Every structure is written in C-alpha cells, then in structure tokens.
Amino acid sequence: MSHQRIFQSSEFFQPTDREPIRSVITESPEAAIVAWYIQPNQEISPHIHPNGQDTWTILQGKGEYYLDTSGNTKTILAGDVVVAYPNCVHGVFNNSDEPLIFISVVAPAAAGYQLVAIAK
C-alpha cells in the first residue's frame, strides 16, 4: 500500500475574511494533520478534544492562546510548539496585524471536539 508522505503545506493554507478554514492535509486513524491560516481578529473558538491531543507548530505570526475556561491566555509565536493534552482547553485569537499560520496534528484522528465557554 502506497501513501503520500511529503506535503507542501503552503498548498493548504486558505485565507478567508470569514471564519478560519480547517484544511486537512492528510488523515488516518492515527492522526489528522491540518493547516490553519488565521487572519487578524479571527479566532479558533476555545474547545477540547476529549479523546486525544492537539499539537500546533506555529510557522508565522502570533496570537493569544486560550489556556482554560477562566479566560487565561498566553501569547504564542512563530517557532513555538504548543500541546493541548486530552481535555485541555485550547483555541486562539489573532490579536496582531499579521496572519497566524500553523500546522495542527490531532492524534488520534477520532479525538473528538467540544466547544467550551470562556468566562469574560
């Protein structure tokens, strides 16, 4: 069985003026690999993956990464690798004036997805 193993991430980034687009690069039962392009003032809503981990490799830009339901955040920057273990709140708001671009690896692919409310 032959599977593609090398991908050009730039082919998957989809800038939009609406909500950010989740662009699946590849998916198997073991993991889903996703390209994200988050415009200034766009957000990936806070959420959890109850049955898996989401690891982000930040390629460009910066944003405020959600840490918990209390609304605490931490700035993430190009070069960071950010890990959300199972049931850890995460998401990001791009509060800068440049795009936030990163690759996400969700493992396993069936990690689940649940939005969470943040206290404001």
Protein backbone atom coordinates (compact mmCIF):
# COMPACT_ATOMS: atom_id res chain seq x y z
CA MET A 1 0.00 0.00 0.00
CA SER A 2 1.40 3.38 -1.03
CA HIS A 3 0.65 6.59 0.87
CA GLN A 4 1.81 10.08 0.09
CA ARG A 5 4.34 11.05 2.75
CA ILE A 6 5.56 14.52 1.76
CA PHE A 7 3.22 17.52 1.51
CA GLN A 8 3.77 21.21 0.66
CA SER A 9 1.89 22.97 3.47
CA SER A 10 1.53 26.22 1.51
CA GLU A 11 -0.88 24.44 -0.85
CA PHE A 12 -3.36 24.00 2.02
CA PHE A 13 -3.48 27.44 3.69
CA GLN A 14 -6.81 29.13 2.90
CA PRO A 15 -7.07 32.79 3.94
CA THR A 16 -10.67 33.99 4.26
CA ASP A 17 -12.45 37.02 5.64
CA ARG A 18 -14.99 34.76 7.34
CA GLU A 19 -14.22 32.08 9.93
CA PRO A 20 -10.82 30.37 9.60
CA ILE A 21 -10.90 27.26 7.40
CA ARG A 22 -9.66 23.90 8.71
CA SER A 23 -7.71 22.48 5.75
CA VAL A 24 -6.98 18.79 6.19
CA ILE A 25 -3.57 17.92 4.74
CA THR A 26 -3.89 14.21 5.45
CA GLU A 27 -5.82 11.96 7.80
CA SER A 28 -5.51 8.40 9.03
CA PRO A 29 -6.89 6.64 12.11
CA GLU A 30 -3.69 7.65 13.93
CA ALA A 31 -3.83 11.42 13.25
CA ALA A 32 -5.35 14.32 11.37
CA ILE A 33 -2.87 16.91 10.10
CA VAL A 34 -4.45 20.32 9.48
CA ALA A 35 -3.23 23.64 8.05
CA TRP A 36 -4.56 26.85 9.63
CA TYR A 37 -4.38 30.45 8.35
CA ILE A 38 -5.90 32.83 10.90
CA GLN A 39 -6.38 36.42 9.77
CA PRO A 40 -6.03 39.35 12.23
CA ASN A 41 -9.07 39.49 14.56
CA GLN A 42 -10.11 35.93 13.69
CA GLU A 43 -10.42 33.17 16.26
CA ILE A 44 -10.44 29.43 16.66
CA SER A 45 -13.02 29.12 19.41
CA PRO A 46 -11.95 27.56 22.71
CA HIS A 47 -12.54 23.83 22.68
CA ILE A 48 -11.26 20.47 23.91
CA HIS A 49 -10.53 17.09 22.36
CA PRO A 50 -11.79 14.59 24.96
CA ASN A 51 -10.08 11.56 23.44
CA GLY A 52 -6.79 12.88 22.11
CA GLN A 53 -4.10 15.51 21.84
CA ASP A 54 -3.77 18.56 19.55
CA THR A 55 -0.22 19.76 18.83
CA TRP A 56 0.37 23.03 16.96
CA THR A 57 3.61 24.08 15.26
CA ILE A 58 3.47 27.85 14.76
CA LEU A 59 5.05 28.85 11.45
CA GLN A 60 4.25 32.56 11.25
CA GLY A 61 2.63 35.29 13.34
CA LYS A 62 1.39 35.31 16.90
CA GLY A 63 -1.84 35.10 18.86
CA GLU A 64 -3.41 34.72 22.29
CA TYR A 65 -3.78 31.01 23.08
CA TYR A 66 -6.63 30.01 25.40
CA LEU A 67 -5.46 28.04 28.45
CA ASP A 68 -8.65 27.42 30.46
CA THR A 69 -12.32 28.27 30.93
CA SER A 70 -11.39 31.26 33.15
CA GLY A 71 -10.20 33.14 30.06
CA ASN A 72 -6.49 32.97 30.79
CA THR A 73 -4.30 33.20 27.69
CA LYS A 74 -0.64 33.09 26.74
CA THR A 75 0.99 34.61 23.67
CA ILE A 76 2.19 32.05 21.13
CA LEU A 77 4.72 32.98 18.45
CA ALA A 78 6.36 31.62 15.31
CA GLY A 79 8.69 28.81 16.35
CA ASP A 80 6.53 27.62 19.25
CA VAL A 81 5.21 24.08 19.53
CA VAL A 82 2.03 24.12 21.60
CA VAL A 83 0.48 20.97 23.07
CA ALA A 84 -3.12 20.54 24.25
CA TYR A 85 -3.34 17.19 26.01
CA PRO A 86 -6.73 15.39 26.18
CA ASN A 87 -9.42 17.63 27.73
CA CYS A 88 -7.14 20.72 27.81
CA VAL A 89 -8.88 23.91 26.72
CA HIS A 90 -7.27 25.49 23.69
CA GLY A 91 -8.02 27.84 20.83
CA VAL A 92 -6.51 31.11 19.69
CA PHE A 93 -7.39 34.73 18.94
CA ASN A 94 -5.18 36.55 16.45
CA ASN A 95 -4.80 39.96 18.06
CA SER A 96 -1.92 41.01 15.80
CA ASP A 97 -1.89 42.76 12.44
CA GLU A 98 -0.43 39.80 10.53
CA PRO A 99 -1.72 36.27 9.77
CA LEU A 100 -1.18 33.46 12.27
CA ILE A 101 -0.18 30.34 10.34
CA PHE A 102 0.34 26.91 11.85
CA ILE A 103 0.08 23.16 11.42
CA SER A 104 -2.05 21.14 13.84
CA VAL A 105 -1.68 17.42 14.48
CA VAL A 106 -4.67 15.86 16.24
CA ALA A 107 -3.98 12.33 17.46
CA PRO A 108 -5.84 10.11 17.14
CA ALA A 109 -7.99 11.48 14.34
CA ALA A 110 -11.08 10.47 16.33
CA ALA A 111 -10.04 12.68 19.29
CA GLY A 112 -13.48 14.30 19.40
CA TYR A 113 -14.27 18.01 19.55
CA GLN A 114 -16.29 20.03 22.09
CA LEU A 115 -16.66 23.79 22.29
CA VAL A 116 -16.22 25.27 25.77
CA ALA A 117 -17.49 28.51 27.26
CA ILE A 118 -14.94 31.05 28.45
CA ALA A 119 -15.67 33.43 31.34
CA LYS A 120 -15.38 37.02 30.17
